[in-house]
Amino acid sequence: MELNDLRRQWQQQPAPDSAAPDEAALRALLTQPSTSPVARMLRNARQEIISTVLILALTMVGLQFVHLPWLRPFGLLLLTASVLMGYYYYHKLRVLQRLGTTTAALRGHLEQQLQSLRSLLRLYYYFTMGTLVLMGSFLLYSTYTHLPQLFRGDARTLWQRGLWLGLTALISWLITGWITRWHLQRQYGRYLDQLESHLHELRELS
């Protein structure tokens, strides 16, 4: 009977691994070379940069082989988007690198960098959705200017085309928004959630 009581008391003792992490443990987590949340976000960011450059380059090359002069301004829009994306990725890489190389007070530094990264991710989302609207508007205007026959017909035909166009735009908007949010959460959001959870535990300890 006493042995059973002793075994029960031992099983009820808190496990050492379940204790909330201190600043030293969190700092070690941030600086792990390949498995830390920061390292994974950096790896995802670099892969994202490479894929974005390839997609933009292939699109620009493809436009050169399309013999539609009215589509050439579309290339200028892509070039502008490329410059803005370069600015975005530059700042995102800087924030991620600062996360893993802090020598200052950890908690304040980490809170500031996580907030900056969250702001950059929101900027990316709004930029993506704004670019979709801008390019869709450009394509619509170019089609109206160079293919006006598509916008002619009786009231019923125009109403059907307008309804189809509106539904296509709405579905494209919703799908793009969902894919963008899923991508950001998978590549960065889940790791930010993990770091913010550790910060919350540190606040409770202090």
Protein backbone atom coordinates (compact mmCIF):
# COMPACT_ATOMS: atom_id res chain seq x y z
CA MET A 1 0.00 0.00 0.00
CA GLU A 2 2.79 2.40 0.88
CA LEU A 3 4.55 1.51 -2.36
CA ASN A 4 1.43 2.41 -4.35
CA ASP A 5 1.17 5.76 -2.54
CA LEU A 6 4.82 6.49 -3.27
CA ARG A 7 4.35 5.62 -6.95
CA ARG A 8 1.26 7.88 -7.17
CA GLN A 9 3.10 10.82 -5.61
CA TRP A 10 6.01 10.37 -8.02
CA GLN A 11 3.71 10.33 -11.05
CA GLN A 12 2.02 13.56 -9.87
CA GLN A 13 5.29 15.48 -9.74
CA PRO A 14 5.59 18.08 -12.53
CA ALA A 15 7.89 17.07 -15.36
CA PRO A 16 10.96 19.26 -15.74
CA ASP A 17 10.38 19.69 -19.48
CA SER A 18 6.94 21.18 -18.87
CA ALA A 19 8.33 24.20 -17.07
CA ALA A 20 7.95 27.54 -18.78
CA PRO A 21 11.13 28.61 -20.65
CA ASP A 22 13.33 31.37 -19.29
CA GLU A 23 15.19 33.97 -21.32
CA ALA A 24 18.26 31.77 -21.71
CA ALA A 25 16.18 28.94 -23.16
CA LEU A 26 14.39 31.31 -25.52
CA ARG A 27 17.69 32.84 -26.64
CA ALA A 28 19.03 29.34 -27.34
CA LEU A 29 15.88 28.56 -29.33
CA LEU A 30 16.37 31.66 -31.46
CA THR A 31 20.00 30.88 -32.28
CA GLN A 32 19.72 27.22 -33.25
CA PRO A 33 21.33 27.00 -36.70
CA SER A 34 18.76 24.99 -38.64
CA THR A 35 15.68 24.12 -36.59
CA SER A 36 14.78 27.36 -34.83
CA PRO A 37 11.67 29.31 -35.92
CA VAL A 38 13.94 32.11 -37.16
CA ALA A 39 16.06 29.75 -39.27
CA ARG A 40 12.96 28.22 -40.81
CA MET A 41 11.46 31.63 -41.62
CA LEU A 42 14.76 32.74 -43.16
CA ARG A 43 14.85 29.59 -45.29
CA ASN A 44 11.24 30.12 -46.38
CA ALA A 45 11.92 33.78 -47.20
CA ARG A 46 14.91 32.90 -49.41
CA GLN A 47 12.92 30.22 -51.22
CA GLU A 48 10.08 32.70 -51.68
CA ILE A 49 12.48 35.28 -53.16
CA ILE A 50 13.85 32.75 -55.66
CA SER A 51 10.38 31.61 -56.77
CA THR A 52 9.14 35.21 -57.07
CA VAL A 53 12.13 36.21 -59.21
CA LEU A 54 11.61 33.19 -61.48
CA ILE A 55 7.88 33.85 -61.90
CA LEU A 56 8.40 37.55 -62.68
CA ALA A 57 11.25 36.80 -65.09
CA LEU A 58 9.25 34.15 -66.96
CA THR A 59 6.25 36.49 -67.16
CA MET A 60 8.39 39.32 -68.52
CA VAL A 61 9.95 37.00 -71.12
CA GLY A 62 6.53 35.66 -72.06
CA LEU A 63 5.23 39.16 -72.70
CA GLN A 64 7.98 39.65 -75.29
CA PHE A 65 6.60 36.75 -77.32
CA VAL A 66 2.99 37.93 -77.18
CA HIS A 67 2.37 40.12 -80.22
CA LEU A 68 -0.16 42.37 -78.52
CA PRO A 69 1.24 45.91 -78.18
CA TRP A 70 -1.52 46.93 -75.78
CA LEU A 71 -0.20 44.40 -73.26
CA ARG A 72 3.24 46.01 -73.11
CA PRO A 73 2.29 48.44 -70.31
CA PHE A 74 1.53 45.32 -68.29
CA GLY A 75 5.28 44.71 -68.24
CA LEU A 76 5.80 48.14 -66.70
CA LEU A 77 3.37 47.21 -63.94
CA LEU A 78 5.30 44.00 -63.32
CA LEU A 79 8.57 45.91 -63.23
CA THR A 80 7.14 48.32 -60.66
CA ALA A 81 5.84 45.40 -58.62
CA SER A 82 9.29 43.79 -58.77
CA VAL A 83 10.94 46.90 -57.33
CA LEU A 84 8.40 47.10 -54.51
CA MET A 85 8.77 43.39 -53.78
CA GLY A 86 12.53 43.80 -53.63
CA TYR A 87 12.09 46.55 -51.05
CA TYR A 88 9.74 44.32 -49.05
CA TYR A 89 12.03 41.29 -49.09
CA TYR A 90 15.05 43.40 -48.14
CA HIS A 91 13.34 44.63 -44.99
CA LYS A 92 11.91 41.22 -44.15
CA LEU A 93 15.33 39.58 -44.33
CA ARG A 94 16.79 42.31 -42.12
CA VAL A 95 14.10 41.78 -39.47
CA LEU A 96 14.59 38.00 -39.52
CA GLN A 97 18.36 38.34 -39.22
CA ARG A 98 17.96 40.68 -36.26
CA LEU A 99 15.74 38.12 -34.55
CA GLY A 100 18.57 35.59 -34.44
CA THR A 101 21.47 37.92 -33.56
CA THR A 102 20.21 39.92 -30.61
CA THR A 103 22.62 40.95 -27.85
CA ALA A 104 20.22 43.42 -26.25
CA ALA A 105 17.48 42.82 -23.70
CA LEU A 106 15.78 39.82 -25.23
CA ARG A 107 12.14 40.44 -24.42
CA GLY A 108 11.91 44.02 -25.65
CA HIS A 109 14.00 43.29 -28.73
CA LEU A 110 11.95 40.24 -29.64
CA GLU A 111 8.63 42.04 -29.18
CA GLN A 112 9.77 44.87 -31.43
CA GLN A 113 11.05 42.59 -34.20
CA LEU A 114 7.98 40.35 -34.11
CA GLN A 115 5.76 43.41 -34.39
CA SER A 116 7.82 44.65 -37.34
CA LEU A 117 7.55 41.27 -39.05
CA ARG A 118 3.79 41.12 -38.49
CA SER A 119 3.52 44.58 -40.06
CA LEU A 120 5.53 43.45 -43.07
CA LEU A 121 3.32 40.40 -43.54
CA ARG A 122 0.21 42.60 -43.45
CA LEU A 123 1.86 44.89 -45.99
CA TYR A 124 2.52 41.89 -48.22
CA TYR A 125 -1.12 40.84 -48.00
CA TYR A 126 -2.46 44.30 -48.83
CA PHE A 127 0.10 44.71 -51.61
CA THR A 128 -0.92 41.37 -53.15
CA MET A 129 -4.61 42.22 -53.06
CA GLY A 130 -4.00 45.76 -54.32
CA THR A 131 -1.86 44.45 -57.17
CA LEU A 132 -4.66 42.06 -58.12
CA VAL A 133 -7.14 44.94 -58.30
CA LEU A 134 -4.73 47.15 -60.25
CA MET A 135 -3.83 44.52 -62.82
CA GLY A 136 -7.43 43.41 -63.17
CA SER A 137 -8.47 47.01 -63.79
CA PHE A 138 -5.69 47.43 -66.34
CA LEU A 139 -6.71 44.29 -68.23
CA LEU A 140 -10.35 45.37 -68.19
CA TYR A 141 -9.53 48.84 -69.50
CA SER A 142 -7.20 47.45 -72.18
CA THR A 143 -9.84 44.95 -73.28
CA TYR A 144 -12.47 47.68 -73.44
CA THR A 145 -10.14 49.91 -75.48
CA HIS A 146 -8.85 47.35 -77.97
CA LEU A 147 -11.72 44.85 -78.07
CA PRO A 148 -14.80 47.10 -77.81
CA GLN A 149 -17.01 44.53 -79.55
CA LEU A 150 -17.03 42.52 -76.33
CA PHE A 151 -18.88 45.37 -74.64
CA ARG A 152 -21.58 45.75 -77.28
CA GLY A 153 -24.92 44.07 -77.54
CA ASP A 154 -28.43 44.30 -76.19
CA ALA A 155 -29.23 44.95 -72.54
CA ARG A 156 -29.65 41.26 -71.70
CA THR A 157 -26.31 40.29 -73.24
CA LEU A 158 -24.46 43.11 -71.47
CA TRP A 159 -26.13 42.22 -68.16
CA GLN A 160 -25.05 38.57 -68.50
CA ARG A 161 -21.49 39.55 -69.38
CA GLY A 162 -21.37 42.02 -66.51
CA LEU A 163 -22.65 39.40 -64.07
CA TRP A 164 -20.10 36.86 -65.30
CA LEU A 165 -17.32 39.43 -65.03
CA GLY A 166 -18.37 40.46 -61.52
CA LEU A 167 -18.57 36.87 -60.29
CA THR A 168 -15.18 36.07 -61.84
CA ALA A 169 -13.60 39.09 -60.13
CA LEU A 170 -15.20 38.24 -56.77
CA ILE A 171 -14.15 34.58 -56.89
CA SER A 172 -10.62 35.55 -57.94
CA TRP A 173 -10.45 38.03 -55.05
CA LEU A 174 -11.64 35.47 -52.49
CA ILE A 175 -9.37 32.68 -53.75
CA THR A 176 -6.33 34.95 -53.91
CA GLY A 177 -7.01 36.28 -50.41
CA TRP A 178 -7.39 32.78 -48.97
CA ILE A 179 -4.25 31.46 -50.68
CA THR A 180 -2.22 34.50 -49.56
CA ARG A 181 -3.33 34.17 -45.91
CA TRP A 182 -2.68 30.41 -45.96
CA HIS A 183 0.77 30.95 -47.46
CA LEU A 184 1.74 33.61 -44.90
CA GLN A 185 0.52 31.51 -41.98
CA ARG A 186 2.31 28.39 -43.22
CA GLN A 187 5.59 30.11 -44.02
CA TYR A 188 5.77 32.62 -41.17
CA GLY A 189 2.66 32.89 -39.01
CA ARG A 190 2.96 29.57 -37.19
CA TYR A 191 6.55 30.35 -36.19
CA LEU A 192 5.60 33.83 -35.03
CA ASP A 193 2.79 32.26 -32.98
CA GLN A 194 5.36 29.95 -31.38
CA LEU A 195 7.71 32.80 -30.44
CA GLU A 196 4.86 34.96 -29.17
CA SER A 197 3.69 32.05 -27.02
CA HIS A 198 7.15 31.84 -25.42
CA LEU A 199 7.10 35.59 -24.81
CA HIS A 200 3.72 35.27 -23.13
CA GLU A 201 5.12 32.59 -20.83
CA LEU A 202 8.05 34.85 -19.94
CA ARG A 203 5.67 37.66 -19.01
CA GLU A 204 3.77 35.32 -16.71
CA LEU A 205 7.01 34.31 -15.00
CA SER A 206 8.08 37.91 -14.33
